[in-house]
Amino acid sequence: MFDTESVLDVADVSANNSAWLVEDLGAAALGGRKWLIATAHRPLYCTNGGYKSSNKDCKGMADILRAQVEHIFSAVDLVLASHMHGYE
């Protein structure tokens, strides 16, 4: 589980959290795990517009998270996030 929140209630993965995530996923991969699954609150991808057509979570916040951590998940089998209440 990694943190996708900031104290300002916007999407953010801190540098410390990113470093921990890289280390933790690397250790799990070396440990011979069959599945690597990561979870977070805010999604890196979402296409549902939410209750407003200008939904900031799918159009802006997900973009921020992808830029910050998407490259970390190349060896991860599944990433689950639920902020939008619709898994993709």
Protein backbone atom coordinates (compact mmCIF):
# COMPACT_ATOMS: atom_id res chain seq x y z
CA MET A 1 0.00 0.00 0.00
CA PHE A 2 1.49 3.33 -1.00
CA ASP A 3 0.34 6.84 -0.19
CA THR A 4 -1.16 8.94 -2.99
CA GLU A 5 -2.37 11.82 -0.83
CA SER A 6 -0.95 15.12 0.30
CA VAL A 7 -1.87 17.37 3.20
CA LEU A 8 -3.58 19.62 0.62
CA ASP A 9 -5.97 16.81 -0.47
CA VAL A 10 -4.40 16.50 -3.91
CA ALA A 11 -2.61 13.62 -5.59
CA ASP A 12 1.04 13.27 -4.62
CA VAL A 13 3.55 10.52 -3.92
CA SER A 14 6.39 11.96 -1.89
CA ALA A 15 10.02 11.27 -2.75
CA ASN A 16 10.38 9.27 0.48
CA ASN A 17 7.31 7.18 -0.35
CA SER A 18 8.57 6.55 -3.91
CA ALA A 19 11.97 5.44 -2.58
CA TRP A 20 10.31 3.11 -0.09
CA LEU A 21 8.06 1.70 -2.81
CA VAL A 22 11.00 0.92 -5.11
CA GLU A 23 12.85 -0.78 -2.25
CA ASP A 24 9.84 -2.74 -1.02
CA LEU A 25 8.79 -3.96 -4.47
CA GLY A 26 12.39 -4.90 -5.26
CA ALA A 27 12.67 -6.93 -2.05
CA ALA A 28 9.38 -8.68 -2.80
CA ALA A 29 10.52 -9.53 -6.34
CA LEU A 30 13.81 -10.94 -5.05
CA GLY A 31 11.88 -12.95 -2.48
CA GLY A 32 10.29 -14.98 -5.26
CA ARG A 33 6.73 -13.77 -4.79
CA LYS A 34 4.29 -15.16 -7.36
CA TRP A 35 2.27 -11.94 -7.45
CA LEU A 36 3.26 -8.35 -6.83
CA ILE A 37 0.22 -6.23 -6.01
CA ALA A 38 0.25 -2.58 -5.02
CA THR A 39 -2.69 -0.60 -3.68
CA ALA A 40 -3.40 3.07 -3.16
CA HIS A 41 -6.29 5.42 -2.68
CA ARG A 42 -6.12 7.57 -5.82
CA PRO A 43 -5.88 5.89 -9.24
CA LEU A 44 -3.14 6.32 -11.82
CA TYR A 45 -5.75 5.75 -14.52
CA CYS A 46 -9.44 6.56 -14.63
CA THR A 47 -11.80 7.33 -17.45
CA ASN A 48 -15.11 7.76 -15.67
CA GLY A 49 -15.99 11.44 -15.52
CA GLY A 50 -17.32 11.34 -12.00
CA TYR A 51 -20.16 13.68 -11.17
CA LYS A 52 -18.68 16.57 -13.18
CA SER A 53 -17.43 16.55 -16.74
CA SER A 54 -14.34 18.50 -15.64
CA ASN A 55 -13.48 15.94 -12.98
CA LYS A 56 -10.03 16.86 -11.66
CA ASP A 57 -9.31 13.33 -10.42
CA CYS A 58 -9.29 11.74 -13.87
CA LYS A 59 -7.98 14.67 -15.86
CA GLY A 60 -5.33 16.08 -13.55
CA MET A 61 -4.63 14.03 -10.45
CA ALA A 62 -4.13 10.74 -12.31
CA ASP A 63 -1.69 12.50 -14.65
CA ILE A 64 0.36 13.65 -11.66
CA LEU A 65 0.51 10.16 -10.17
CA ARG A 66 1.49 8.55 -13.48
CA ALA A 67 4.34 11.02 -13.87
CA GLN A 68 5.54 10.33 -10.33
CA VAL A 69 5.34 6.54 -10.05
CA GLU A 70 4.15 4.73 -13.18
CA HIS A 71 7.73 3.76 -14.08
CA ILE A 72 8.04 1.91 -10.76
CA PHE A 73 5.35 -0.63 -11.65
CA SER A 74 6.97 -2.40 -14.61
CA ALA A 75 7.37 -5.62 -12.58
CA VAL A 76 4.06 -5.30 -10.68
CA ASP A 77 1.21 -7.61 -11.67
CA LEU A 78 -1.67 -5.52 -10.37
CA VAL A 79 -2.23 -2.01 -9.00
CA LEU A 80 -5.58 -1.31 -7.34
CA ALA A 81 -6.90 2.12 -6.40
CA SER A 82 -10.41 3.15 -5.45
CA HIS A 83 -10.92 6.91 -5.17
CA MET A 84 -13.26 6.95 -8.18
CA HIS A 85 -15.19 3.85 -7.00
CA GLY A 86 -14.68 2.19 -10.37
CA TYR A 87 -11.79 -0.18 -11.01
CA GLU A 88 -10.05 -0.06 -14.39
